[in-house]
Amino acid sequence: MVYTFPPGFQWGVATASYQIEGAADARGVSVWDVFSQTPGRVLHGDTGAIACDHVHRFRDDIALMADLGVRHYRFSISWPRIIPEGRGAVNDAGLAFYGELVDTLLEFGITPHATLFHWDSPQALEAEYGSWRSRQMAQDYADYVTVVVKKLGDRITHWMTLNEIFCFTHIGYGVGHVPEMAPGTVVKTSKEVWQTSHHALLAHGLGCQAIRAASPQPCQVALVDNYLATVPLTDTPADIAAAQAAFPLTGTNGGILYPALTGEYNPQLLADLGKNAPDILPGDLATIHQPLDSLGFNVYTGVYVRAADNARGFESLPFPQSYPRMHMPWLHILPDSLYWGVRHISDTLQRPELRVFISENGCAAQDELTSAGEVLDLDRIQYLQQYLRSAHRAVQEGYPLMGYFLWTFMDNFEWAYGRDRRFGVTYVDFATQQRIPKASYHWYAHCIEENRVV
């Protein structure tokens, strides 16, 4: 079978500010600076202080992107690089950097897609009021968004508000234990954790309003979420119905994706949470439920579900020990998660008009340089092939999947795993900052050139 995509399908790559930029001395302190400088928090004591030194090397990096053939690049803007204290004085040099970055992308014929928040919030706001524990965070975020969009909105028309609310709230704020994988705080109850994601949803809503108010031209606004796709164990009516029933009750789907796209928390989820449900003030849901031009879906894995003879009619299945995965403990290979994640938006949430793009998909592999100086990441190619075939299935069946941003363009600072886990299609020698395109880079270039899975 030939897996050809329709004309106009958007092929891209994605990165995030803290993971690649470096130049930490030229911006305010972020919560990730403090987290990564805390002994024992990040593997090998790595930090993002230098990362890929992208701030100083972005022209060469963009030239390498252009050689890859991508016409779309998703990157994120660092809030503390724009407003070092989180509110108040603006760092003009920070705005100038992103202005140059965008101008260079346009010069190379690459469309910029900007994420306004990818986890690196200002430490000053954590110190002042506890970041996402406070409703004030949503308003300060919206003020920051206004500054950025007023300055760059003449050249950027594709905006994303927040990246993966679950990760910077539910993973960052722990009950009774110090969060291991992300900056945050030990709180007393699950309710307080759900309150942080509610405040992030408010930030999304206020951010949408701020983008549209500040943009000097018509623009596209999206939310990016790593909602968990429930995959039917078999393509039978019973298992498909089970996967649909499980979708709002899996992970935080019913309390993050549902309010954003439907204007309501899933009622069954609220019933399950009981006294741990977040406090929702009058008007909050209307603020959260902003019209979106598209939805970004970050997909790496999913959850198998089958029909069951129980009160809910489904059961979620654990992965067995021998189930194949890539170089992360959670990265079980489940290509159908991409197809079902797209399909659930249309069929399960009843939003068939909402366009979806894959804002991240990729994998960590145990990449090594050969004696000839190559990186033969054949396992990554296998992984990407399968997921892109799943994307093709979604398009073929008429679901509104409009593009695919591979995660990630180059090896980077992989959060709590530091520089130990490599997700890039470009190898980075962190000692020298040399960039070496991997086998997957050349394979992906063929996919883009031929508009199909090769």
Protein backbone atom coordinates (compact mmCIF):
# COMPACT_ATOMS: atom_id res chain seq x y z
CA MET A 1 0.00 0.00 0.00
CA VAL A 2 1.17 3.54 -0.78
CA TYR A 3 0.65 5.85 2.20
CA THR A 4 0.34 9.18 0.39
CA PHE A 5 -0.99 12.25 2.20
CA PRO A 6 -3.27 14.88 0.63
CA PRO A 7 -1.78 18.04 -0.91
CA GLY A 8 -1.16 20.71 1.72
CA PHE A 9 -0.49 18.26 4.56
CA GLN A 10 1.83 20.09 6.95
CA TRP A 11 5.14 18.35 7.65
CA GLY A 12 7.08 19.86 10.52
CA VAL A 13 9.39 19.44 13.49
CA ALA A 14 8.97 20.66 17.06
CA THR A 15 11.19 21.86 19.94
CA ALA A 16 10.79 23.68 23.27
CA SER A 17 12.62 26.71 24.64
CA TYR A 18 14.13 25.35 27.87
CA GLN A 19 15.20 22.14 26.16
CA ILE A 20 17.31 23.74 23.43
CA GLU A 21 17.94 27.45 23.94
CA GLY A 22 20.58 27.76 26.65
CA ALA A 23 21.69 31.37 27.25
CA ALA A 24 20.18 31.18 30.73
CA ASP A 25 22.13 34.27 31.81
CA ALA A 26 20.21 36.38 29.27
CA ARG A 27 16.77 35.75 30.76
CA GLY A 28 14.97 35.53 34.09
CA VAL A 29 15.16 32.43 36.27
CA SER A 30 12.61 29.71 35.45
CA VAL A 31 11.28 26.99 37.72
CA TRP A 32 13.24 24.52 35.60
CA ASP A 33 16.50 26.33 36.40
CA VAL A 34 15.84 25.82 40.10
CA PHE A 35 14.65 22.23 39.66
CA SER A 36 17.62 21.18 37.53
CA GLN A 37 20.12 22.86 39.86
CA THR A 38 18.73 20.94 42.85
CA PRO A 39 21.02 17.94 43.52
CA GLY A 40 19.42 14.60 42.70
CA ARG A 41 16.58 15.99 40.63
CA VAL A 42 18.03 15.59 37.11
CA LEU A 43 20.03 12.62 35.85
CA HIS A 44 23.80 13.26 35.97
CA GLY A 45 23.15 16.77 37.35
CA ASP A 46 22.44 18.13 33.86
CA THR A 47 20.76 21.53 33.49
CA GLY A 48 19.35 23.58 30.64
CA ALA A 49 21.81 26.44 31.20
CA ILE A 50 23.49 25.69 27.84
CA ALA A 51 21.34 22.87 26.40
CA CYS A 52 21.85 23.01 22.60
CA ASP A 53 23.07 26.64 22.70
CA HIS A 54 20.31 27.34 20.17
CA VAL A 55 20.14 31.05 21.06
CA HIS A 56 23.60 31.43 19.52
CA ARG A 57 23.23 28.77 16.80
CA PHE A 58 19.67 29.22 15.58
CA ARG A 59 20.66 30.34 12.07
CA ASP A 60 22.59 27.14 11.43
CA ASP A 61 19.84 25.06 13.04
CA ILE A 62 17.20 26.63 10.80
CA ALA A 63 19.38 26.03 7.73
CA LEU A 64 19.53 22.35 8.76
CA MET A 65 15.72 22.34 9.11
CA ALA A 66 15.43 23.78 5.62
CA ASP A 67 17.70 21.02 4.30
CA LEU A 68 15.36 18.51 5.93
CA GLY A 69 12.58 19.99 3.84
CA VAL A 70 10.15 20.97 6.60
CA ARG A 71 7.96 23.98 5.92
CA HIS A 72 6.55 24.20 9.45
CA TYR A 73 8.38 24.61 12.76
CA ARG A 74 6.79 24.47 16.19
CA PHE A 75 8.90 26.16 18.87
CA SER A 76 8.11 27.66 22.25
CA ILE A 77 8.70 31.10 23.71
CA SER A 78 10.26 31.39 27.16
CA TRP A 79 8.13 33.55 29.47
CA PRO A 80 11.15 34.50 31.68
CA ARG A 81 13.09 35.48 28.55
CA ILE A 82 10.35 38.00 27.76
CA ILE A 83 9.35 39.13 31.29
CA PRO A 84 12.16 38.05 33.65
CA GLU A 85 10.12 38.51 36.84
CA GLY A 86 6.95 37.04 35.34
CA ARG A 87 5.18 40.39 35.43
CA GLY A 88 6.30 43.97 34.99
CA ALA A 89 9.44 44.95 33.08
CA VAL A 90 9.88 43.49 29.57
CA ASN A 91 13.28 42.26 28.36
CA ASP A 92 13.60 43.84 24.92
CA ALA A 93 16.59 41.63 24.08
CA GLY A 94 14.42 38.56 24.61
CA LEU A 95 11.76 39.85 22.23
CA ALA A 96 14.51 40.74 19.75
CA PHE A 97 15.85 37.17 19.83
CA TYR A 98 12.47 35.70 18.90
CA GLY A 99 12.03 38.40 16.27
CA GLU A 100 15.30 37.32 14.64
CA LEU A 101 14.35 33.66 14.95
CA VAL A 102 11.03 34.24 13.19
CA ASP A 103 12.60 36.43 10.49
CA THR A 104 15.15 33.69 9.79
CA LEU A 105 12.44 31.02 9.56
CA LEU A 106 10.49 33.14 7.08
CA GLU A 107 13.66 33.79 5.11
CA PHE A 108 14.03 30.01 4.69
CA GLY A 109 10.38 29.55 3.75
CA ILE A 110 9.42 27.93 7.07
CA THR A 111 6.15 28.89 8.78
CA PRO A 112 6.58 29.63 12.51
CA HIS A 113 4.14 27.96 14.93
CA ALA A 114 4.70 29.41 18.42
CA THR A 115 3.80 27.76 21.72
CA LEU A 116 3.45 30.47 24.36
CA PHE A 117 4.08 28.20 27.35
CA HIS A 118 6.05 24.96 27.42
CA TRP A 119 6.60 24.48 31.17
CA ASP A 120 9.36 27.04 31.90
CA SER A 121 7.41 29.45 34.10
CA PRO A 122 9.13 32.33 35.94
CA GLN A 123 10.57 31.36 39.32
CA ALA A 124 9.60 34.81 40.65
CA LEU A 125 5.91 33.89 40.42
CA GLU A 126 6.54 30.58 42.18
CA ALA A 127 8.19 32.53 45.01
CA GLU A 128 5.46 35.17 45.10
CA TYR A 129 2.31 33.08 45.07
CA GLY A 130 3.06 29.44 44.19
CA SER A 131 2.63 29.56 40.41
CA TRP A 132 -0.30 27.43 39.28
CA ARG A 133 -1.72 27.17 42.80
CA SER A 134 -3.00 30.73 42.34
CA ARG A 135 -5.63 32.14 39.98
CA GLN A 136 -3.29 35.12 39.58
CA MET A 137 -1.03 32.94 37.39
CA ALA A 138 -3.70 32.89 34.67
CA GLN A 139 -3.90 36.69 34.53
CA ASP A 140 -0.12 37.16 34.58
CA TYR A 141 0.16 34.61 31.76
CA ALA A 142 -2.43 36.51 29.69
CA ASP A 143 -0.51 39.77 30.22
CA TYR A 144 2.70 38.07 29.03
CA VAL A 145 0.86 36.71 25.98
CA THR A 146 -0.33 40.21 25.09
CA VAL A 147 3.26 41.51 25.10
CA VAL A 148 4.47 38.71 22.80
CA VAL A 149 1.59 38.76 20.33
CA LYS A 150 1.66 42.56 19.98
CA LYS A 151 5.36 42.36 19.10
CA LEU A 152 5.47 39.23 16.93
CA GLY A 153 1.90 38.91 15.66
CA ASP A 154 2.78 40.74 12.45
CA ARG A 155 4.88 37.68 11.48
CA ILE A 156 3.40 34.78 13.47
CA THR A 157 -0.14 33.68 12.63
CA HIS A 158 -0.14 30.23 14.30
CA TRP A 159 -0.27 30.33 18.11
CA MET A 160 -0.58 27.65 20.78
CA THR A 161 -1.48 28.66 24.33
CA LEU A 162 -0.16 25.93 26.65
CA ASN A 163 1.67 22.64 26.22
CA GLU A 164 0.44 19.56 28.14
CA ILE A 165 -1.39 20.98 31.14
CA PHE A 166 -1.32 17.57 32.86
CA CYS A 167 2.49 17.53 32.95
CA PHE A 168 3.14 20.89 34.58
CA THR A 169 0.25 20.55 37.04
CA HIS A 170 -0.56 16.96 37.98
CA ILE A 171 3.04 15.76 37.64
CA GLY A 172 4.42 18.89 39.30
CA TYR A 173 2.17 19.09 42.35
CA GLY A 174 2.29 15.97 44.51
CA VAL A 175 0.23 14.87 47.48
CA GLY A 176 2.43 13.59 50.30
CA HIS A 177 5.54 13.18 48.14
CA VAL A 178 8.03 15.47 46.43
CA PRO A 179 7.32 15.55 42.68
CA GLU A 180 10.11 13.60 40.99
CA MET A 181 9.75 14.57 37.34
CA ALA A 182 8.80 18.27 37.36
CA PRO A 183 9.02 21.46 39.42
CA GLY A 184 6.16 22.02 41.80
CA THR A 185 5.07 21.71 45.39
CA VAL A 186 3.91 19.07 47.82
CA VAL A 187 0.23 19.87 48.48
CA LYS A 188 -2.13 18.35 51.01
CA THR A 189 -4.98 17.07 48.83
CA SER A 190 -5.84 15.92 45.32
CA LYS A 191 -8.26 18.84 45.20
CA GLU A 192 -5.29 21.23 45.28
CA VAL A 193 -3.71 19.35 42.37
CA TRP A 194 -6.94 19.61 40.35
CA GLN A 195 -7.06 23.29 41.25
CA THR A 196 -3.69 23.83 39.55
CA SER A 197 -4.94 22.34 36.28
CA HIS A 198 -8.13 24.42 36.58
CA HIS A 199 -5.99 27.55 36.87
CA ALA A 200 -4.00 26.42 33.82
CA LEU A 201 -7.27 26.02 31.90
CA LEU A 202 -8.18 29.57 32.91
CA ALA A 203 -4.79 30.69 31.59
CA HIS A 204 -5.58 28.94 28.30
CA GLY A 205 -8.93 30.72 28.03
CA LEU A 206 -7.56 34.14 28.95
CA GLY A 207 -4.61 33.46 26.65
CA CYS A 208 -6.92 32.76 23.68
CA GLN A 209 -8.69 36.06 24.34
CA ALA A 210 -5.37 37.90 24.68
CA ILE A 211 -4.00 36.47 21.41
CA ARG A 212 -7.06 37.48 19.44
CA ALA A 213 -7.19 40.94 21.04
CA ALA A 214 -3.49 41.65 20.50
CA SER A 215 -2.88 40.13 17.05
CA PRO A 216 -2.54 42.76 14.32
CA GLN A 217 -3.85 40.26 11.72
CA PRO A 218 -6.12 37.20 11.55
CA CYS A 219 -4.47 34.25 13.27
CA GLN A 220 -4.97 30.61 14.26
CA VAL A 221 -5.22 29.66 17.95
CA ALA A 222 -4.76 26.13 19.33
CA LEU A 223 -4.37 24.25 22.59
CA VAL A 224 -1.78 21.47 22.77
CA ASP A 225 -2.67 18.49 24.94
CA ASN A 226 -1.21 15.06 25.56
CA TYR A 227 -4.58 13.51 26.29
CA LEU A 228 -4.52 9.72 26.57
CA ALA A 229 -6.01 7.89 23.61
CA THR A 230 -8.05 4.85 24.56
CA VAL A 231 -7.46 2.16 21.93
CA PRO A 232 -9.96 -0.68 21.52
CA LEU A 233 -8.22 -4.03 21.90
CA THR A 234 -10.08 -5.19 18.78
CA ASP A 235 -11.91 -3.22 16.10
CA THR A 236 -15.23 -4.73 17.18
CA PRO A 237 -18.34 -2.70 18.06
CA ALA A 238 -18.14 -3.79 21.72
CA ASP A 239 -14.49 -2.80 22.21
CA ILE A 240 -14.93 0.46 20.26
CA ALA A 241 -17.87 1.40 22.51
CA ALA A 242 -15.73 0.50 25.53
CA ALA A 243 -12.87 2.72 24.31
CA GLN A 244 -15.30 5.60 23.85
CA ALA A 245 -16.80 5.11 27.31
CA ALA A 246 -13.31 4.98 28.82
CA PHE A 247 -12.03 8.09 27.04
CA PRO A 248 -13.31 10.79 29.46
CA LEU A 249 -12.34 8.72 32.50
CA THR A 250 -8.79 7.90 31.41
CA GLY A 251 -5.90 10.00 32.73
CA THR A 252 -7.06 13.59 33.14
CA ASN A 253 -8.98 13.69 29.84
CA GLY A 254 -12.32 14.49 31.45
CA GLY A 255 -10.86 17.34 33.52
CA ILE A 256 -8.58 19.03 30.98
CA LEU A 257 -9.56 18.21 27.39
CA TYR A 258 -13.29 18.10 28.10
CA PRO A 259 -13.62 21.56 29.73
CA ALA A 260 -11.48 23.11 26.98
CA LEU A 261 -13.45 21.56 24.12
CA THR A 262 -16.96 21.19 25.57
CA GLY A 263 -17.19 23.85 28.27
CA GLU A 264 -17.86 21.27 31.00
CA TYR A 265 -15.87 18.91 33.16
CA ASN A 266 -16.98 15.36 32.47
CA PRO A 267 -19.80 14.73 34.99
CA GLN A 268 -18.71 11.17 35.74
CA LEU A 269 -15.19 12.42 36.50
CA LEU A 270 -16.57 15.07 38.87
CA ALA A 271 -18.66 12.40 40.60
CA ASP A 272 -15.57 10.21 40.94
CA LEU A 273 -13.53 13.11 42.35
CA GLY A 274 -16.20 14.11 44.88
CA LYS A 275 -14.71 16.50 47.42
CA ASN A 276 -11.45 16.53 45.45
CA ALA A 277 -13.05 18.26 42.46
CA PRO A 278 -11.66 21.76 41.87
CA ASP A 279 -13.53 24.90 42.88
CA ILE A 280 -15.10 26.36 39.74
CA LEU A 281 -16.22 29.98 40.03
CA PRO A 282 -19.12 31.44 38.04
CA GLY A 283 -17.90 32.34 34.55
CA ASP A 284 -14.82 30.09 34.68
CA LEU A 285 -16.13 27.52 32.21
CA ALA A 286 -17.14 30.21 29.72
CA THR A 287 -13.61 31.64 29.94
CA ILE A 288 -12.03 28.20 29.50
CA HIS A 289 -14.24 27.17 26.58
CA GLN A 290 -12.83 29.51 23.92
CA PRO A 291 -13.33 28.82 20.22
CA LEU A 292 -10.27 27.05 18.80
CA ASP A 293 -9.04 26.93 15.22
CA SER A 294 -7.36 23.58 15.82
CA LEU A 295 -6.15 21.18 18.50
CA GLY A 296 -2.57 20.00 18.89
CA PHE A 297 -2.29 16.34 19.93
CA ASN A 298 0.98 15.20 21.52
CA VAL A 299 0.99 11.43 21.12
CA TYR A 300 3.59 8.84 22.07
CA THR A 301 1.59 5.96 23.52
CA GLY A 302 -1.93 5.12 24.64
CA VAL A 303 -4.11 2.75 26.67
CA TYR A 304 -5.69 -0.51 25.49
CA VAL A 305 -9.34 -0.93 26.48
CA ARG A 306 -11.80 -3.80 26.08
CA ALA A 307 -15.45 -4.34 26.83
CA ALA A 308 -16.13 -5.77 30.30
CA ASP A 309 -19.06 -7.03 32.29
CA ASN A 310 -18.89 -4.36 34.98
CA ALA A 311 -20.78 -1.18 35.91
CA ARG A 312 -18.85 0.94 33.42
CA GLY A 313 -18.74 -1.56 30.58
CA PHE A 314 -14.99 -1.35 30.04
CA GLU A 315 -11.63 -2.19 31.52
CA SER A 316 -8.24 -0.65 30.81
CA LEU A 317 -5.47 -3.20 30.27
CA PRO A 318 -1.96 -2.93 31.72
CA PHE A 319 1.01 -3.46 29.42
CA PRO A 320 2.71 -6.80 30.11
CA GLN A 321 6.39 -6.81 31.09
CA SER A 322 7.45 -8.02 27.64
CA TYR A 323 5.50 -5.36 25.71
CA PRO A 324 7.87 -3.44 23.38
CA ARG A 325 8.83 0.08 24.33
CA MET A 326 11.41 2.69 23.41
CA HIS A 327 14.06 4.27 25.66
CA MET A 328 11.67 5.65 28.30
CA PRO A 329 9.85 3.65 30.96
CA TRP A 330 6.46 4.92 29.76
CA LEU A 331 7.08 4.83 26.00
CA HIS A 332 5.15 1.69 25.01
CA ILE A 333 4.81 1.41 21.25
CA LEU A 334 1.13 1.81 20.35
CA PRO A 335 0.77 3.31 16.86
CA ASP A 336 -3.03 3.02 16.85
CA SER A 337 -3.09 5.62 19.65
CA LEU A 338 -2.53 8.33 17.03
CA TYR A 339 -5.50 7.23 14.91
CA TRP A 340 -7.83 6.78 17.87
CA GLY A 341 -6.75 10.03 19.50
CA VAL A 342 -7.75 11.92 16.36
CA ARG A 343 -10.95 9.89 15.92
CA HIS A 344 -12.09 10.44 19.53
CA ILE A 345 -12.18 14.23 18.98
CA SER A 346 -14.63 13.82 16.10
CA ASP A 347 -16.66 10.85 17.31
CA THR A 348 -16.44 10.71 21.12
CA LEU A 349 -16.35 14.45 21.92
CA GLN A 350 -18.62 15.19 18.96
CA ARG A 351 -16.32 17.88 17.56
CA PRO A 352 -15.98 16.66 13.94
CA GLU A 353 -15.39 20.21 12.68
CA LEU A 354 -12.30 20.73 14.88
CA ARG A 355 -9.10 20.29 12.93
CA VAL A 356 -6.33 18.34 14.64
CA PHE A 357 -2.58 18.34 14.08
CA ILE A 358 0.00 16.05 15.63
CA SER A 359 1.97 18.62 17.60
CA GLU A 360 4.45 16.02 18.90
CA ASN A 361 5.24 12.42 18.02
CA GLY A 362 8.58 10.70 18.35
CA CYS A 363 10.65 8.50 20.61
CA ALA A 364 13.81 8.22 22.65
CA ALA A 365 16.28 5.67 21.31
CA GLN A 366 19.73 4.53 22.44
CA ASP A 367 21.53 6.40 19.70
CA GLU A 368 25.25 5.85 19.18
CA LEU A 369 27.76 7.19 16.72
CA THR A 370 29.33 4.49 14.53
CA SER A 371 33.03 4.52 13.73
CA ALA A 372 32.03 6.10 10.41
CA GLY A 373 30.32 8.96 12.27
CA GLU A 374 26.76 7.87 11.52
CA VAL A 375 23.77 7.36 13.80
CA LEU A 376 21.79 4.37 12.50
CA ASP A 377 18.59 4.83 14.48
CA LEU A 378 16.66 2.14 12.64
CA ASP A 379 14.41 1.60 15.66
CA ARG A 380 13.26 5.24 15.51
CA ILE A 381 12.49 4.89 11.80
CA GLN A 382 10.40 1.78 12.54
CA TYR A 383 8.52 3.64 15.27
CA LEU A 384 7.84 6.71 13.13
CA GLN A 385 6.76 4.60 10.13
CA GLN A 386 4.08 2.88 12.17
CA TYR A 387 2.73 6.09 13.69
CA LEU A 388 2.66 7.88 10.34
CA ARG A 389 0.71 4.97 8.85
CA SER A 390 -1.77 5.46 11.68
CA ALA A 391 -1.94 9.17 10.75
CA HIS A 392 -2.58 8.17 7.15
CA ARG A 393 -5.46 5.94 8.24
CA ALA A 394 -7.08 8.88 10.04
CA VAL A 395 -6.78 11.09 6.95
CA GLN A 396 -8.04 8.34 4.63
CA GLU A 397 -11.13 7.88 6.77
CA GLY A 398 -11.93 11.57 6.56
CA TYR A 399 -10.89 12.76 10.00
CA PRO A 400 -9.58 16.37 9.90
CA LEU A 401 -5.89 15.69 10.56
CA MET A 402 -3.98 18.55 8.96
CA GLY A 403 -0.33 18.10 9.88
CA TYR A 404 2.46 16.31 11.73
CA PHE A 405 5.27 17.83 13.82
CA LEU A 406 7.96 15.28 14.62
CA TRP A 407 9.40 15.43 18.14
CA THR A 408 12.09 16.45 18.00
CA PHE A 409 14.38 18.19 15.58
CA MET A 410 17.52 17.59 17.64
CA ASP A 411 18.63 15.89 20.83
CA ASN A 412 18.07 18.20 23.77
CA PHE A 413 17.73 18.59 27.52
CA GLU A 414 15.12 15.92 28.23
CA TRP A 415 13.76 17.34 31.49
CA ALA A 416 14.47 15.09 34.50
CA TYR A 417 16.45 12.72 32.24
CA GLY A 418 18.87 15.50 31.29
CA ARG A 419 20.99 14.77 28.23
CA ASP A 420 20.71 11.01 28.72
CA ARG A 421 17.63 10.40 26.53
CA ARG A 422 17.78 11.34 22.88
CA PHE A 423 14.58 12.13 20.95
CA GLY A 424 16.12 13.99 18.01
CA VAL A 425 16.45 13.15 14.34
CA THR A 426 19.64 15.24 14.57
CA TYR A 427 22.37 13.99 16.91
CA VAL A 428 23.91 16.62 19.18
CA ASP A 429 27.41 16.11 20.53
CA PHE A 430 26.89 18.19 23.66
CA ALA A 431 30.63 18.57 24.30
CA THR A 432 31.22 20.27 20.94
CA GLN A 433 27.62 21.24 20.00
CA GLN A 434 28.16 19.56 16.64
CA ARG A 435 24.93 18.58 14.84
CA ILE A 436 24.92 15.24 12.96
CA PRO A 437 21.79 14.24 11.00
CA LYS A 438 20.76 10.68 11.90
CA ALA A 439 19.43 8.01 9.55
CA SER A 440 15.92 9.05 10.66
CA TYR A 441 16.60 12.63 9.50
CA HIS A 442 17.31 11.40 5.97
CA TRP A 443 14.33 9.03 6.08
CA TYR A 444 12.00 11.83 7.22
CA ALA A 445 13.35 14.09 4.46
CA HIS A 446 12.18 11.48 1.92
CA CYS A 447 8.73 11.35 3.54
CA ILE A 448 8.41 15.13 3.27
CA GLU A 449 9.72 15.27 -0.27
CA GLU A 450 7.33 12.56 -1.48
CA ASN A 451 4.40 13.50 0.82
CA ARG A 452 4.07 9.90 1.93
CA VAL A 453 5.36 7.31 4.41
CA VAL A 454 8.44 5.80 2.78
